[in-house]
Amino acid sequence: YHEAGHALVASVLPYADPVHKISIISRGRAAGYTLKLPFEERKMQSRKEFLDDIAVSLGGYVAEKVVFDDITTGASNDLQVLTALARNMVSRYGMSDKMGPIAFVASAQRAMFGEGVEGEASAAVATQIDEEVKLIITAALKKAEHIIETHRSALNAIAEKLVEVETLEREEFENLLIANGITPKKKEDIEHQPLV
């Protein structure tokens, strides 16, 4: 269900990359994986794409919670990655309405705009960044919950098929989506999405 949750959320959100493969075969420390790939290579990502990526990262966590009324440690890496992404959106990329177009951390970790400054101003900025990160993650969590609850039959179908075959390739996965009333993404759909 964890991997099915990632895949389902990715398939429904308009700015998330399409799913190419899902596997529940354990590799290294990962119990399974969902492979998403863009239709074509890109050099930049938009705020909307990052927000959808965070919701996709929460898909496994939400699926566990909805299906089992419990969560496992399986989401720990997802949580680290999505938290770092949300923090970068706020502190590096200027993607927070409240904080504005300010880089609080440089790419080489040099101190910038208040960082490294002792005292109340620095603590206040850090608190604001934390609050913005939490708002981003909370909104993404609600988005993922809505998708999982709305498309529960698709979640069940994906999970059941994964138990049966362990790995789903794109075509078989998309057939499951279609059978459950979800239209798979096409390159044309992504190209017609407004950038911001």
Protein backbone atom coordinates (compact mmCIF):
# COMPACT_ATOMS: atom_id res chain seq x y z
CA TYR A 1 0.00 0.00 0.00
CA HIS A 2 2.88 2.38 0.69
CA GLU A 3 4.20 2.25 -2.88
CA ALA A 4 0.66 2.21 -4.28
CA GLY A 5 0.04 5.46 -2.36
CA HIS A 6 3.06 7.18 -3.94
CA ALA A 7 2.06 6.00 -7.41
CA LEU A 8 -1.61 6.96 -7.08
CA VAL A 9 -0.87 10.49 -5.83
CA ALA A 10 1.71 10.98 -8.60
CA SER A 11 -0.81 9.87 -11.20
CA VAL A 12 -3.55 12.25 -10.09
CA LEU A 13 -1.56 15.44 -9.49
CA PRO A 14 -1.04 17.52 -12.65
CA TYR A 15 2.53 18.68 -11.99
CA ALA A 16 3.98 15.37 -10.75
CA ASP A 17 6.06 13.30 -13.16
CA PRO A 18 4.36 10.17 -14.55
CA VAL A 19 4.99 6.79 -12.93
CA HIS A 20 7.11 4.40 -15.01
CA LYS A 21 7.57 1.53 -12.58
CA ILE A 22 6.51 0.39 -9.10
CA SER A 23 8.16 -2.42 -7.20
CA ILE A 24 7.81 -3.97 -3.77
CA ILE A 25 11.01 -5.97 -4.19
CA SER A 26 13.39 -4.94 -1.42
CA ARG A 27 16.66 -3.37 -2.55
CA GLY A 28 19.24 -2.32 0.03
CA ARG A 29 17.48 -0.43 2.79
CA ALA A 30 14.43 0.35 0.64
CA ALA A 31 11.46 -2.00 0.97
CA GLY A 32 10.28 -0.96 -2.49
CA TYR A 33 10.20 2.01 -4.85
CA THR A 34 8.09 4.06 -7.21
CA LEU A 35 10.00 5.34 -10.23
CA LYS A 36 8.73 8.59 -11.74
CA LEU A 37 10.35 10.07 -14.81
CA PRO A 38 9.58 13.29 -16.67
CA PHE A 39 8.51 13.05 -20.30
CA GLU A 40 11.61 15.04 -21.20
CA GLU A 41 14.73 16.37 -19.52
CA ARG A 42 14.44 19.75 -17.81
CA LYS A 43 16.85 22.09 -16.11
CA MET A 44 14.45 23.90 -13.79
CA GLN A 45 11.49 22.96 -11.63
CA SER A 46 8.54 25.15 -10.76
CA ARG A 47 6.94 25.77 -7.39
CA LYS A 48 3.87 23.81 -8.50
CA GLU A 49 6.05 20.82 -9.41
CA PHE A 50 7.77 20.94 -6.02
CA LEU A 51 4.42 21.13 -4.20
CA ASP A 52 3.15 18.09 -6.10
CA ASP A 53 6.44 16.24 -5.41
CA ILE A 54 5.97 16.82 -1.68
CA ALA A 55 2.40 15.45 -1.85
CA VAL A 56 3.67 12.41 -3.80
CA SER A 57 6.33 11.82 -1.12
CA LEU A 58 3.53 11.79 1.47
CA GLY A 59 1.45 9.31 -0.56
CA GLY A 60 2.97 6.24 1.09
CA TYR A 61 2.60 7.68 4.59
CA VAL A 62 -1.04 8.60 3.94
CA ALA A 63 -1.85 5.21 2.40
CA GLU A 64 -0.49 3.42 5.49
CA LYS A 65 -2.50 5.69 7.78
CA VAL A 66 -5.75 5.33 5.82
CA VAL A 67 -5.53 1.57 5.23
CA PHE A 68 -4.00 0.39 8.52
CA ASP A 69 -4.84 3.28 10.87
CA ASP A 70 -1.13 3.24 11.73
CA ILE A 71 2.20 4.27 10.24
CA THR A 72 5.55 2.51 9.92
CA THR A 73 9.16 3.60 9.71
CA GLY A 74 8.91 2.98 5.94
CA ALA A 75 8.18 6.66 5.40
CA SER A 76 11.24 7.98 7.27
CA ASN A 77 13.34 8.66 4.15
CA ASP A 78 10.33 10.16 2.35
CA LEU A 79 9.81 12.53 5.29
CA GLN A 80 13.46 13.61 5.31
CA VAL A 81 13.45 14.28 1.56
CA LEU A 82 10.17 16.20 1.50
CA THR A 83 11.11 18.28 4.55
CA ALA A 84 14.43 19.24 2.94
CA LEU A 85 12.61 20.14 -0.28
CA ALA A 86 10.07 22.33 1.55
CA ARG A 87 12.88 24.02 3.48
CA ASN A 88 14.80 24.70 0.26
CA MET A 89 11.67 26.18 -1.30
CA VAL A 90 11.46 28.67 1.56
CA SER A 91 15.13 29.32 2.35
CA ARG A 92 16.86 29.01 -1.07
CA TYR A 93 14.40 29.34 -3.94
CA GLY A 94 12.23 32.25 -2.80
CA MET A 95 9.08 30.13 -3.18
CA SER A 96 7.30 31.30 -0.03
CA ASP A 97 4.72 34.07 -0.28
CA LYS A 98 5.35 35.09 3.32
CA MET A 99 9.17 35.11 3.20
CA GLY A 100 9.39 36.46 -0.34
CA PRO A 101 12.20 36.23 -2.89
CA ILE A 102 15.05 36.00 -0.41
CA ALA A 103 17.77 33.35 -0.20
CA PHE A 104 18.46 32.69 3.46
CA VAL A 105 21.01 29.97 2.62
CA ALA A 106 23.47 30.01 -0.26
CA SER A 107 24.13 26.91 -2.33
CA ALA A 108 27.56 26.52 -0.72
CA GLN A 109 26.10 26.92 2.81
CA ARG A 110 27.58 30.39 3.29
CA ALA A 111 25.66 32.59 5.69
CA MET A 112 23.17 34.87 4.00
CA PHE A 113 20.37 37.23 5.03
CA GLY A 114 20.31 36.82 8.78
CA GLU A 115 21.81 33.35 8.91
CA GLY A 116 24.72 33.16 11.28
CA VAL A 117 23.60 36.36 12.98
CA GLU A 118 23.16 35.87 16.70
CA GLY A 119 20.15 37.21 18.53
CA GLU A 120 16.42 37.75 18.21
CA ALA A 121 16.33 38.66 14.51
CA SER A 122 18.01 35.42 13.48
CA ALA A 123 15.79 33.32 15.78
CA ALA A 124 12.69 35.09 14.48
CA VAL A 125 13.65 34.41 10.85
CA ALA A 126 14.37 30.75 11.66
CA THR A 127 10.96 30.45 13.33
CA GLN A 128 9.23 32.00 10.30
CA ILE A 129 11.03 29.60 7.97
CA ASP A 130 9.97 26.64 10.14
CA GLU A 131 6.36 27.86 10.10
CA GLU A 132 6.38 28.20 6.30
CA VAL A 133 7.89 24.72 5.90
CA LYS A 134 5.15 23.30 8.11
CA LEU A 135 2.43 25.10 6.11
CA ILE A 136 3.76 23.68 2.84
CA ILE A 137 3.91 20.13 4.23
CA THR A 138 0.47 20.37 5.87
CA ALA A 139 -1.13 21.54 2.59
CA ALA A 140 0.58 18.69 0.71
CA LEU A 141 -0.59 16.18 3.33
CA LYS A 142 -4.20 17.32 2.86
CA LYS A 143 -3.82 17.02 -0.92
CA ALA A 144 -2.46 13.45 -0.60
CA GLU A 145 -5.20 12.48 1.89
CA HIS A 146 -7.91 13.76 -0.45
CA ILE A 147 -6.52 11.76 -3.39
CA ILE A 148 -6.11 8.53 -1.39
CA GLU A 149 -9.61 8.79 0.08
CA THR A 150 -11.23 9.77 -3.23
CA HIS A 151 -9.51 7.01 -5.21
CA ARG A 152 -9.48 4.24 -2.60
CA SER A 153 -10.60 1.60 -5.11
CA ALA A 154 -7.60 2.43 -7.33
CA LEU A 155 -5.27 2.27 -4.31
CA ASN A 156 -6.61 -1.19 -3.44
CA ALA A 157 -6.31 -2.42 -7.04
CA ILE A 158 -2.70 -1.22 -7.33
CA ALA A 159 -1.72 -2.77 -3.99
CA GLU A 160 -3.40 -6.09 -4.79
CA LYS A 161 -1.66 -6.27 -8.17
CA LEU A 162 1.70 -5.48 -6.53
CA VAL A 163 1.22 -8.34 -4.07
CA GLU A 164 0.50 -10.62 -7.03
CA VAL A 165 3.32 -9.57 -9.40
CA GLU A 166 5.75 -7.54 -7.18
CA THR A 167 6.64 -5.12 -9.99
CA LEU A 168 4.35 -3.09 -12.23
CA GLU A 169 5.63 -1.54 -15.44
CA ARG A 170 4.07 1.66 -16.80
CA GLU A 171 1.59 0.08 -19.24
CA GLU A 172 0.13 -2.37 -16.74
CA PHE A 173 -0.05 0.37 -14.09
CA GLU A 174 -1.84 2.74 -16.48
CA ASN A 175 -4.35 -0.02 -17.32
CA LEU A 176 -5.16 -0.26 -13.61
CA LEU A 177 -5.66 3.51 -13.48
CA ILE A 178 -8.01 3.44 -16.48
CA ALA A 179 -9.98 0.54 -14.97
CA ASN A 180 -10.50 2.72 -11.89
CA GLY A 181 -11.56 5.87 -13.72
CA ILE A 182 -8.22 7.74 -13.75
CA THR A 183 -6.83 9.00 -17.05
CA PRO A 184 -3.05 8.48 -17.31
CA LYS A 185 -0.91 11.52 -18.10
CA LYS A 186 0.25 12.22 -21.60
CA LYS A 187 3.11 14.44 -22.69
CA GLU A 188 0.62 16.89 -24.23
CA ASP A 189 -1.12 17.33 -20.84
CA ILE A 190 2.13 18.36 -19.17
CA GLU A 191 3.10 20.71 -22.01
CA HIS A 192 -0.18 22.61 -21.65
CA GLN A 193 0.22 23.20 -17.94
CA PRO A 194 1.05 26.83 -17.19
CA LEU A 195 4.54 27.16 -15.68
CA VAL A 196 3.53 29.15 -12.61
